[in-house]
Amino acid sequence: MEVAEALHDDVLRLVTARRNVRRRKVLSAAGGRPRLARCPGCSQEMSAADMRDHRIPCVRRELQKLMGNPFQLSPKDPDPYPDFYIHHLSDDATEVEFHKGSNHDLVTIDLRKIADITAVKEGITLTHVRVLGRVAWHPEIGTGRWRFEPTAAVGRPPLEGGTRSCTA
C-alpha cells in the first residue's frame, strides 16, 4: 500500500489503462455471444436462428406433457405452500397460466420467459420451472396476490417514429 501511495498519479493511471486493455483483449477473444443456445423444453443445443422457431412450440409441448403435475416456480418469494398447477395452456398460446395450489391465485408467464424445465420423479413427478424474472407476493393487491415480474420486457422495443428504439 505504501508503494502505491508513493507513486505519481500518472503512473497509476497508466498501469490501470494497460490492465484494462489486456482485459478487453481477453474478453474479445472469447467471441461475444455463444454460438449455441439450449432449448429449455428439450435441452437440445442449436443456433439462435433455429431457436427462434423451435423454442415456444417445444416449451408448450413439454408443459402439456407435464400438465396435472405440481410445479415449483423459481425464483419465487418463499412461502410454506410452493406448488403451482397449470390452469390454462392452449395449442396456440404464447403464455401459460399457473394457479397456486393453496389459494388459486393465477400467475401468467410468457413462454419466452421460461429459462429451464426440470422434471424430478419422487413417487409423483415434481417439476421445477426457472423463469427469467420472479414470482412475487403482493399483499396490497385485493384478490390475486401472486404475480410474475419479468426481468425485462419481452420482445423488441416499440417503434418510435419509424425506427426501433434501443433504450429498452
N, C-alpha and C. Protein backbone atom coordinates (compact mmCIF):
# COMPACT_ATOMS: atom_id res chain seq x y z
N MET A 1 0.83 -1.19 0.00
CA MET A 1 0.00 0.00 0.00
C MET A 1 0.87 1.25 0.00
N GLU A 2 1.99 1.21 0.74
CA GLU A 2 2.89 2.37 0.81
C GLU A 2 3.51 2.67 -0.55
N VAL A 3 3.79 1.62 -1.33
CA VAL A 3 4.38 1.82 -2.65
C VAL A 3 3.40 2.56 -3.56
N ALA A 4 2.14 2.18 -3.53
CA ALA A 4 1.13 2.82 -4.36
C ALA A 4 0.95 4.29 -3.98
N GLU A 5 1.03 4.59 -2.69
CA GLU A 5 0.90 5.98 -2.24
C GLU A 5 2.08 6.82 -2.70
N ALA A 6 3.25 6.20 -2.83
CA ALA A 6 4.45 6.94 -3.22
C ALA A 6 4.50 7.22 -4.72
N LEU A 7 3.77 6.45 -5.52
CA LEU A 7 3.80 6.63 -6.97
C LEU A 7 3.01 7.87 -7.39
N HIS A 8 3.43 8.45 -8.47
CA HIS A 8 2.74 9.61 -9.04
C HIS A 8 1.41 9.15 -9.65
N ASP A 9 0.40 10.01 -9.64
CA ASP A 9 -0.94 9.65 -10.16
C ASP A 9 -0.90 9.22 -11.62
N ASP A 10 -0.03 9.83 -12.44
CA ASP A 10 0.07 9.47 -13.85
C ASP A 10 0.52 8.02 -14.03
N VAL A 11 1.42 7.55 -13.17
CA VAL A 11 1.89 6.16 -13.25
C VAL A 11 0.75 5.21 -12.94
N LEU A 12 -0.03 5.52 -11.93
CA LEU A 12 -1.16 4.66 -11.57
C LEU A 12 -2.20 4.62 -12.70
N ARG A 13 -2.48 5.77 -13.33
CA ARG A 13 -3.43 5.79 -14.45
C ARG A 13 -2.92 4.96 -15.61
N LEU A 14 -1.60 5.03 -15.89
CA LEU A 14 -1.02 4.27 -16.99
C LEU A 14 -1.13 2.77 -16.75
N VAL A 15 -0.83 2.32 -15.53
CA VAL A 15 -0.91 0.89 -15.19
C VAL A 15 -2.36 0.41 -15.27
N THR A 16 -3.30 1.21 -14.77
CA THR A 16 -4.71 0.84 -14.84
C THR A 16 -5.19 0.73 -16.28
N ALA A 17 -4.80 1.67 -17.12
CA ALA A 17 -5.18 1.64 -18.53
C ALA A 17 -4.61 0.41 -19.22
N ARG A 18 -3.36 0.07 -18.93
CA ARG A 18 -2.74 -1.11 -19.54
C ARG A 18 -3.48 -2.38 -19.13
N ARG A 19 -3.86 -2.50 -17.85
CA ARG A 19 -4.61 -3.68 -17.39
C ARG A 19 -5.97 -3.77 -18.08
N ASN A 20 -6.64 -2.63 -18.24
CA ASN A 20 -7.95 -2.64 -18.90
C ASN A 20 -7.84 -3.07 -20.36
N VAL A 21 -6.78 -2.67 -21.05
CA VAL A 21 -6.58 -3.09 -22.44
C VAL A 21 -6.40 -4.59 -22.51
N ARG A 22 -5.62 -5.16 -21.59
CA ARG A 22 -5.43 -6.62 -21.55
C ARG A 22 -6.76 -7.33 -21.32
N ARG A 23 -7.57 -6.83 -20.40
CA ARG A 23 -8.87 -7.45 -20.12
C ARG A 23 -9.76 -7.42 -21.34
N ARG A 24 -9.79 -6.30 -22.06
CA ARG A 24 -10.62 -6.20 -23.26
C ARG A 24 -10.18 -7.20 -24.32
N LYS A 25 -8.87 -7.41 -24.46
CA LYS A 25 -8.38 -8.37 -25.44
C LYS A 25 -8.82 -9.78 -25.09
N VAL A 26 -8.76 -10.12 -23.80
CA VAL A 26 -9.18 -11.45 -23.36
C VAL A 26 -10.68 -11.63 -23.61
N LEU A 27 -11.50 -10.63 -23.27
CA LEU A 27 -12.94 -10.73 -23.46
C LEU A 27 -13.32 -10.80 -24.93
N SER A 28 -12.66 -10.02 -25.79
CA SER A 28 -13.00 -10.06 -27.20
C SER A 28 -12.53 -11.35 -27.86
N ALA A 29 -11.47 -11.98 -27.33
CA ALA A 29 -11.01 -13.25 -27.88
C ALA A 29 -12.01 -14.37 -27.61
N ALA A 30 -12.84 -14.19 -26.57
CA ALA A 30 -13.85 -15.20 -26.25
C ALA A 30 -14.93 -15.26 -27.32
N GLY A 31 -15.12 -14.20 -28.10
CA GLY A 31 -16.03 -14.28 -29.23
C GLY A 31 -17.42 -13.73 -29.01
N GLY A 32 -17.70 -13.03 -27.93
CA GLY A 32 -19.02 -12.43 -27.75
C GLY A 32 -20.08 -13.45 -27.39
N ARG A 33 -21.20 -13.42 -28.10
CA ARG A 33 -22.33 -14.31 -27.82
C ARG A 33 -21.96 -15.77 -28.05
N PRO A 34 -22.55 -16.65 -27.27
CA PRO A 34 -22.31 -18.08 -27.53
C PRO A 34 -22.91 -18.49 -28.87
N ARG A 35 -22.27 -19.41 -29.53
CA ARG A 35 -22.74 -19.84 -30.85
C ARG A 35 -23.99 -20.72 -30.76
N LEU A 36 -24.11 -21.47 -29.66
CA LEU A 36 -25.26 -22.36 -29.49
C LEU A 36 -26.04 -21.97 -28.24
N ALA A 37 -27.34 -22.15 -28.31
CA ALA A 37 -28.22 -21.92 -27.17
C ALA A 37 -28.94 -23.22 -26.86
N ARG A 38 -29.32 -23.41 -25.58
CA ARG A 38 -30.00 -24.63 -25.16
C ARG A 38 -31.48 -24.34 -25.00
N CYS A 39 -32.30 -25.19 -25.60
CA CYS A 39 -33.75 -25.06 -25.51
C CYS A 39 -34.20 -25.46 -24.10
N PRO A 40 -35.03 -24.65 -23.42
CA PRO A 40 -35.49 -25.01 -22.08
C PRO A 40 -36.46 -26.20 -22.07
N GLY A 41 -37.08 -26.50 -23.21
CA GLY A 41 -38.04 -27.61 -23.26
C GLY A 41 -37.39 -28.96 -23.45
N CYS A 42 -36.44 -29.07 -24.42
CA CYS A 42 -35.87 -30.38 -24.75
C CYS A 42 -34.37 -30.48 -24.47
N SER A 43 -33.75 -29.38 -24.02
CA SER A 43 -32.31 -29.32 -23.70
C SER A 43 -31.41 -29.53 -24.91
N GLN A 44 -31.95 -29.44 -26.10
CA GLN A 44 -31.15 -29.57 -27.31
C GLN A 44 -30.44 -28.25 -27.59
N GLU A 45 -29.18 -28.32 -28.02
CA GLU A 45 -28.44 -27.11 -28.36
C GLU A 45 -28.59 -26.81 -29.84
N MET A 46 -28.79 -25.53 -30.17
CA MET A 46 -28.97 -25.11 -31.56
C MET A 46 -28.60 -23.65 -31.69
N SER A 47 -28.50 -23.19 -32.93
CA SER A 47 -28.17 -21.79 -33.18
C SER A 47 -29.35 -20.91 -32.78
N ALA A 48 -29.06 -19.63 -32.57
CA ALA A 48 -30.11 -18.69 -32.19
C ALA A 48 -31.18 -18.58 -33.28
N ALA A 49 -30.78 -18.66 -34.54
CA ALA A 49 -31.75 -18.59 -35.64
C ALA A 49 -32.71 -19.78 -35.60
N ASP A 50 -32.19 -20.98 -35.34
CA ASP A 50 -33.05 -22.16 -35.25
C ASP A 50 -33.91 -22.12 -33.98
N MET A 51 -33.37 -21.55 -32.93
CA MET A 51 -34.07 -21.48 -31.65
C MET A 51 -35.33 -20.63 -31.76
N ARG A 52 -35.32 -19.59 -32.57
CA ARG A 52 -36.47 -18.69 -32.71
C ARG A 52 -37.75 -19.44 -33.05
N ASP A 53 -37.68 -20.35 -34.00
CA ASP A 53 -38.87 -21.09 -34.42
C ASP A 53 -39.16 -22.31 -33.54
N HIS A 54 -38.14 -22.80 -32.86
CA HIS A 54 -38.25 -24.05 -32.11
C HIS A 54 -38.74 -23.84 -30.68
N ARG A 55 -38.33 -22.78 -30.02
CA ARG A 55 -38.47 -22.61 -28.57
C ARG A 55 -39.92 -22.67 -28.06
N ILE A 56 -40.79 -21.81 -28.53
CA ILE A 56 -42.14 -21.72 -27.97
C ILE A 56 -42.93 -23.01 -28.17
N PRO A 57 -42.98 -23.61 -29.38
CA PRO A 57 -43.71 -24.88 -29.51
C PRO A 57 -43.13 -26.00 -28.64
N CYS A 58 -41.81 -26.03 -28.49
CA CYS A 58 -41.18 -27.08 -27.69
C CYS A 58 -41.51 -26.92 -26.20
N VAL A 59 -41.43 -25.69 -25.69
CA VAL A 59 -41.76 -25.44 -24.28
C VAL A 59 -43.23 -25.75 -24.04
N ARG A 60 -44.11 -25.36 -24.98
CA ARG A 60 -45.54 -25.65 -24.84
C ARG A 60 -45.79 -27.15 -24.78
N ARG A 61 -45.14 -27.94 -25.69
CA ARG A 61 -45.31 -29.40 -25.69
C ARG A 61 -44.85 -30.01 -24.37
N GLU A 62 -43.71 -29.54 -23.86
CA GLU A 62 -43.18 -30.09 -22.60
C GLU A 62 -44.13 -29.79 -21.44
N LEU A 63 -44.67 -28.59 -21.37
CA LEU A 63 -45.62 -28.25 -20.31
C LEU A 63 -46.92 -29.04 -20.44
N GLN A 64 -47.38 -29.27 -21.68
CA GLN A 64 -48.60 -30.06 -21.87
C GLN A 64 -48.40 -31.50 -21.41
N LYS A 65 -47.19 -32.06 -21.63
CA LYS A 65 -46.91 -33.43 -21.16
C LYS A 65 -46.96 -33.51 -19.65
N LEU A 66 -46.57 -32.44 -18.97
CA LEU A 66 -46.48 -32.44 -17.51
C LEU A 66 -47.72 -31.86 -16.84
N MET A 67 -48.75 -31.58 -17.62
CA MET A 67 -49.98 -30.99 -17.09
C MET A 67 -50.58 -31.91 -16.03
N GLY A 68 -51.08 -31.34 -14.95
CA GLY A 68 -51.65 -32.12 -13.86
C GLY A 68 -50.65 -32.38 -12.75
N ASN A 69 -49.36 -32.23 -13.03
CA ASN A 69 -48.33 -32.40 -12.01
C ASN A 69 -48.10 -31.09 -11.28
N PRO A 70 -47.62 -31.16 -10.04
CA PRO A 70 -47.28 -29.91 -9.34
C PRO A 70 -46.00 -29.30 -9.92
N PHE A 71 -45.96 -27.98 -9.96
CA PHE A 71 -44.81 -27.22 -10.45
C PHE A 71 -44.31 -26.33 -9.32
N GLN A 72 -43.00 -26.17 -9.25
CA GLN A 72 -42.41 -25.18 -8.36
C GLN A 72 -41.70 -24.17 -9.23
N LEU A 73 -42.13 -22.91 -9.13
CA LEU A 73 -41.56 -21.84 -9.92
C LEU A 73 -40.44 -21.19 -9.13
N SER A 74 -39.35 -20.85 -9.82
CA SER A 74 -38.26 -20.16 -9.15
C SER A 74 -37.62 -19.18 -10.12
N PRO A 75 -37.11 -18.08 -9.68
CA PRO A 75 -37.13 -17.63 -8.29
C PRO A 75 -38.53 -17.16 -7.88
N LYS A 76 -38.84 -17.38 -6.61
CA LYS A 76 -40.15 -17.05 -6.06
C LYS A 76 -39.97 -16.64 -4.61
N ASP A 77 -40.79 -15.69 -4.17
CA ASP A 77 -40.78 -15.33 -2.77
C ASP A 77 -41.12 -16.58 -1.95
N PRO A 78 -40.45 -16.78 -0.83
CA PRO A 78 -40.70 -18.01 -0.04
C PRO A 78 -42.09 -18.02 0.59
N ASP A 79 -42.65 -19.22 0.64
CA ASP A 79 -43.92 -19.44 1.34
C ASP A 79 -44.02 -20.92 1.66
N PRO A 80 -44.86 -21.32 2.62
CA PRO A 80 -44.92 -22.74 3.02
C PRO A 80 -45.61 -23.65 2.01
N TYR A 81 -46.32 -23.09 1.03
CA TYR A 81 -47.05 -23.89 0.05
C TYR A 81 -46.57 -23.52 -1.36
N PRO A 82 -45.49 -24.14 -1.85
CA PRO A 82 -44.86 -23.69 -3.09
C PRO A 82 -45.47 -24.22 -4.39
N ASP A 83 -46.44 -25.13 -4.32
CA ASP A 83 -46.90 -25.79 -5.54
C ASP A 83 -47.85 -24.95 -6.38
N PHE A 84 -47.60 -24.98 -7.70
CA PHE A 84 -48.45 -24.37 -8.71
C PHE A 84 -48.90 -25.47 -9.66
N TYR A 85 -50.01 -25.25 -10.34
CA TYR A 85 -50.53 -26.19 -11.33
C TYR A 85 -50.90 -25.40 -12.58
N ILE A 86 -50.84 -26.06 -13.74
CA ILE A 86 -51.22 -25.37 -14.97
C ILE A 86 -52.73 -25.20 -14.99
N HIS A 87 -53.16 -23.96 -15.14
CA HIS A 87 -54.58 -23.64 -15.21
C HIS A 87 -55.04 -23.61 -16.67
N HIS A 88 -54.22 -23.00 -17.54
CA HIS A 88 -54.61 -22.89 -18.94
C HIS A 88 -53.36 -22.83 -19.82
N LEU A 89 -53.37 -23.66 -20.88
CA LEU A 89 -52.32 -23.65 -21.89
C LEU A 89 -52.92 -24.20 -23.17
N SER A 90 -53.20 -23.31 -24.12
CA SER A 90 -53.81 -23.76 -25.37
C SER A 90 -52.74 -24.13 -26.39
N ASP A 91 -53.16 -24.77 -27.48
CA ASP A 91 -52.23 -25.22 -28.51
C ASP A 91 -51.53 -24.09 -29.24
N ASP A 92 -52.13 -22.92 -29.28
CA ASP A 92 -51.51 -21.79 -29.98
C ASP A 92 -51.08 -20.68 -29.03
N ALA A 93 -51.07 -20.95 -27.74
CA ALA A 93 -50.75 -19.93 -26.74
C ALA A 93 -49.27 -19.60 -26.72
N THR A 94 -48.97 -18.36 -26.38
CA THR A 94 -47.59 -17.95 -26.13
C THR A 94 -47.39 -17.68 -24.64
N GLU A 95 -48.44 -17.93 -23.84
CA GLU A 95 -48.38 -17.76 -22.40
C GLU A 95 -48.97 -19.00 -21.72
N VAL A 96 -48.49 -19.25 -20.51
CA VAL A 96 -49.06 -20.31 -19.70
C VAL A 96 -49.62 -19.66 -18.44
N GLU A 97 -50.76 -20.15 -18.00
CA GLU A 97 -51.39 -19.61 -16.81
C GLU A 97 -51.33 -20.68 -15.71
N PHE A 98 -50.61 -20.38 -14.64
CA PHE A 98 -50.50 -21.28 -13.49
C PHE A 98 -51.46 -20.81 -12.41
N HIS A 99 -52.00 -21.76 -11.63
CA HIS A 99 -52.73 -21.35 -10.43
C HIS A 99 -52.02 -21.93 -9.22
N LYS A 100 -52.00 -21.15 -8.16
CA LYS A 100 -51.34 -21.53 -6.91
C LYS A 100 -52.21 -22.54 -6.21
N GLY A 101 -51.63 -23.66 -5.80
CA GLY A 101 -52.39 -24.73 -5.18
C GLY A 101 -53.07 -24.33 -3.88
N SER A 102 -52.47 -23.43 -3.11
CA SER A 102 -53.01 -23.10 -1.79
C SER A 102 -54.14 -22.08 -1.83
N ASN A 103 -54.10 -21.12 -2.75
CA ASN A 103 -55.15 -20.09 -2.74
C ASN A 103 -55.72 -19.79 -4.13
N HIS A 104 -55.29 -20.52 -5.15
CA HIS A 104 -55.81 -20.42 -6.52
C HIS A 104 -55.56 -19.07 -7.19
N ASP A 105 -54.55 -18.32 -6.75
CA ASP A 105 -54.14 -17.12 -7.48
C ASP A 105 -53.64 -17.53 -8.85
N LEU A 106 -53.93 -16.73 -9.86
CA LEU A 106 -53.48 -17.01 -11.22
C LEU A 106 -52.22 -16.21 -11.53
N VAL A 107 -51.21 -16.88 -12.08
CA VAL A 107 -49.95 -16.26 -12.46
C VAL A 107 -49.73 -16.58 -13.94
N THR A 108 -49.66 -15.54 -14.77
CA THR A 108 -49.46 -15.71 -16.20
C THR A 108 -48.00 -15.44 -16.55
N ILE A 109 -47.38 -16.39 -17.28
CA ILE A 109 -45.98 -16.28 -17.65
C ILE A 109 -45.85 -16.49 -19.15
N ASP A 110 -45.16 -15.57 -19.82
CA ASP A 110 -44.87 -15.69 -21.24
C ASP A 110 -43.91 -16.87 -21.43
N LEU A 111 -44.16 -17.71 -22.44
CA LEU A 111 -43.31 -18.89 -22.67
C LEU A 111 -41.86 -18.52 -22.97
N ARG A 112 -41.64 -17.32 -23.50
CA ARG A 112 -40.26 -16.86 -23.76
C ARG A 112 -39.52 -16.54 -22.48
N LYS A 113 -40.23 -16.40 -21.37
CA LYS A 113 -39.61 -16.10 -20.08
C LYS A 113 -39.34 -17.36 -19.25
N ILE A 114 -39.54 -18.53 -19.83
CA ILE A 114 -39.21 -19.79 -19.16
C ILE A 114 -37.79 -20.16 -19.55
N ALA A 115 -36.90 -20.23 -18.56
CA ALA A 115 -35.48 -20.48 -18.82
C ALA A 115 -35.13 -21.96 -18.72
N ASP A 116 -35.86 -22.73 -17.93
CA ASP A 116 -35.49 -24.12 -17.73
C ASP A 116 -36.68 -24.89 -17.16
N ILE A 117 -36.86 -26.12 -17.63
CA ILE A 117 -37.90 -27.02 -17.11
C ILE A 117 -37.20 -28.31 -16.71
N THR A 118 -37.31 -28.67 -15.42
CA THR A 118 -36.67 -29.88 -14.92
C THR A 118 -37.69 -30.71 -14.18
N ALA A 119 -37.99 -31.91 -14.68
CA ALA A 119 -38.94 -32.81 -14.03
C ALA A 119 -38.17 -33.77 -13.14
N VAL A 120 -38.63 -33.93 -11.90
CA VAL A 120 -37.98 -34.81 -10.93
C VAL A 120 -38.99 -35.86 -10.50
N LYS A 121 -38.62 -37.13 -10.58
CA LYS A 121 -39.52 -38.22 -10.16
C LYS A 121 -39.27 -38.52 -8.68
N GLU A 122 -40.30 -38.37 -7.88
CA GLU A 122 -40.26 -38.71 -6.45
C GLU A 122 -41.60 -39.33 -6.08
N GLY A 123 -41.94 -40.46 -6.66
CA GLY A 123 -43.25 -41.04 -6.47
C GLY A 123 -44.25 -40.31 -7.35
N ILE A 124 -44.37 -39.01 -7.15
CA ILE A 124 -45.16 -38.15 -8.03
C ILE A 124 -44.17 -37.21 -8.71
N THR A 125 -44.42 -36.90 -9.95
CA THR A 125 -43.50 -36.04 -10.68
C THR A 125 -43.64 -34.60 -10.19
N LEU A 126 -42.53 -34.03 -9.76
CA LEU A 126 -42.48 -32.63 -9.37
C LEU A 126 -41.62 -31.92 -10.40
N THR A 127 -42.10 -30.83 -10.92
CA THR A 127 -41.39 -30.12 -11.98
C THR A 127 -40.94 -28.75 -11.49
N HIS A 128 -39.65 -28.46 -11.67
CA HIS A 128 -39.11 -27.15 -11.35
C HIS A 128 -39.05 -26.34 -12.63
N VAL A 129 -39.59 -25.14 -12.60
CA VAL A 129 -39.56 -24.23 -13.74
C VAL A 129 -38.83 -22.97 -13.30
N ARG A 130 -37.70 -22.70 -13.95
CA ARG A 130 -36.94 -21.49 -13.66
C ARG A 130 -37.35 -20.43 -14.67
N VAL A 131 -37.70 -19.24 -14.18
CA VAL A 131 -38.19 -18.17 -15.03
C VAL A 131 -37.20 -17.01 -15.05
N LEU A 132 -37.28 -16.21 -16.10
CA LEU A 132 -36.46 -15.00 -16.22
C LEU A 132 -37.26 -13.86 -15.61
N GLY A 133 -37.10 -13.69 -14.34
CA GLY A 133 -37.87 -12.74 -13.54
C GLY A 133 -38.08 -13.39 -12.18
N ARG A 134 -39.20 -13.10 -11.55
CA ARG A 134 -39.52 -13.75 -10.28
C ARG A 134 -41.02 -13.72 -10.04
N VAL A 135 -41.47 -14.68 -9.26
CA VAL A 135 -42.86 -14.74 -8.84
C VAL A 135 -42.90 -14.12 -7.45
N ALA A 136 -43.67 -13.04 -7.31
CA ALA A 136 -43.62 -12.26 -6.07
C ALA A 136 -44.98 -12.16 -5.40
N TRP A 137 -44.94 -12.04 -4.09
CA TRP A 137 -46.13 -11.86 -3.26
C TRP A 137 -46.41 -10.37 -3.14
N HIS A 138 -47.66 -9.97 -3.43
CA HIS A 138 -48.07 -8.56 -3.33
C HIS A 138 -49.23 -8.46 -2.35
N PRO A 139 -48.97 -8.11 -1.11
CA PRO A 139 -50.07 -8.06 -0.12
C PRO A 139 -51.06 -6.93 -0.37
N GLU A 140 -50.66 -5.88 -1.12
CA GLU A 140 -51.56 -4.75 -1.34
C GLU A 140 -52.61 -5.00 -2.41
N ILE A 141 -52.48 -6.07 -3.20
CA ILE A 141 -53.45 -6.37 -4.25
C ILE A 141 -54.65 -7.09 -3.62
N GLY A 142 -55.86 -6.75 -4.07
CA GLY A 142 -57.10 -7.30 -3.49
C GLY A 142 -57.19 -8.81 -3.48
N THR A 143 -57.59 -9.44 -4.60
CA THR A 143 -57.83 -10.88 -4.60
C THR A 143 -56.62 -11.69 -5.05
N GLY A 144 -56.02 -11.37 -6.18
CA GLY A 144 -54.87 -12.10 -6.65
C GLY A 144 -53.59 -11.51 -6.09
N ARG A 145 -52.82 -12.29 -5.35
CA ARG A 145 -51.67 -11.74 -4.66
C ARG A 145 -50.33 -12.19 -5.23
N TRP A 146 -50.27 -13.28 -5.96
CA TRP A 146 -49.02 -13.74 -6.56
C TRP A 146 -48.97 -13.22 -7.99
N ARG A 147 -47.86 -12.61 -8.36
CA ARG A 147 -47.70 -12.06 -9.70
C ARG A 147 -46.31 -12.38 -10.23
N PHE A 148 -46.20 -12.51 -11.55
CA PHE A 148 -44.91 -12.71 -12.21
C PHE A 148 -44.36 -11.35 -12.61
N GLU A 149 -43.11 -11.09 -12.21
CA GLU A 149 -42.43 -9.85 -12.56
C GLU A 149 -41.24 -10.20 -13.46
N PRO A 150 -41.35 -9.98 -14.78
CA PRO A 150 -40.24 -10.32 -15.67
C PRO A 150 -39.06 -9.38 -15.44
N THR A 151 -37.84 -9.88 -15.75
CA THR A 151 -36.64 -9.06 -15.58
C THR A 151 -36.58 -7.95 -16.60
N ALA A 152 -37.10 -8.16 -17.79
CA ALA A 152 -37.11 -7.15 -18.85
C ALA A 152 -38.32 -7.39 -19.73
N ALA A 153 -38.64 -6.40 -20.52
CA ALA A 153 -39.78 -6.54 -21.44
C ALA A 153 -39.51 -7.66 -22.43
N VAL A 154 -40.56 -8.35 -22.84
CA VAL A 154 -40.44 -9.44 -23.79
C VAL A 154 -40.57 -8.87 -25.20
N GLY A 155 -39.72 -9.32 -26.09
CA GLY A 155 -39.80 -8.89 -27.48
C GLY A 155 -38.95 -7.67 -27.76
N ARG A 156 -39.10 -7.15 -28.95
CA ARG A 156 -38.34 -5.98 -29.38
C ARG A 156 -38.95 -4.70 -28.83
N PRO A 157 -38.13 -3.66 -28.68
CA PRO A 157 -38.67 -2.38 -28.22
C PRO A 157 -39.64 -1.80 -29.25
N PRO A 158 -40.58 -0.96 -28.83
CA PRO A 158 -41.57 -0.40 -29.76
C PRO A 158 -40.91 0.56 -30.75
N LEU A 159 -41.60 0.73 -31.89
CA LEU A 159 -41.12 1.67 -32.92
C LEU A 159 -41.39 3.09 -32.46
N GLU A 160 -40.39 3.95 -32.63
CA GLU A 160 -40.56 5.38 -32.33
C GLU A 160 -40.27 6.16 -33.59
N GLY A 161 -41.28 6.71 -34.21
CA GLY A 161 -41.09 7.50 -35.42
C GLY A 161 -40.56 6.69 -36.59
N GLY A 162 -40.91 5.41 -36.67
CA GLY A 162 -40.49 4.57 -37.78
C GLY A 162 -39.17 3.86 -37.57
N THR A 163 -38.48 4.11 -36.47
CA THR A 163 -37.22 3.42 -36.19
C THR A 163 -37.32 2.74 -34.84
N ARG A 164 -36.55 1.69 -34.65
CA ARG A 164 -36.56 0.98 -33.37
C ARG A 164 -35.78 1.73 -32.32
N SER A 165 -36.31 1.75 -31.13
CA SER A 165 -35.64 2.35 -30.00
C SER A 165 -34.72 1.32 -29.38
N CYS A 166 -33.52 1.68 -29.08
CA CYS A 166 -32.56 0.76 -28.47
C CYS A 166 -32.39 1.01 -27.00
N THR A 167 -33.30 1.72 -26.37
CA THR A 167 -33.16 2.08 -24.96
C THR A 167 -33.77 1.05 -24.03
N ALA A 168 -34.58 0.12 -24.52
CA ALA A 168 -35.27 -0.82 -23.65
C ALA A 168 -34.38 -1.92 -23.18
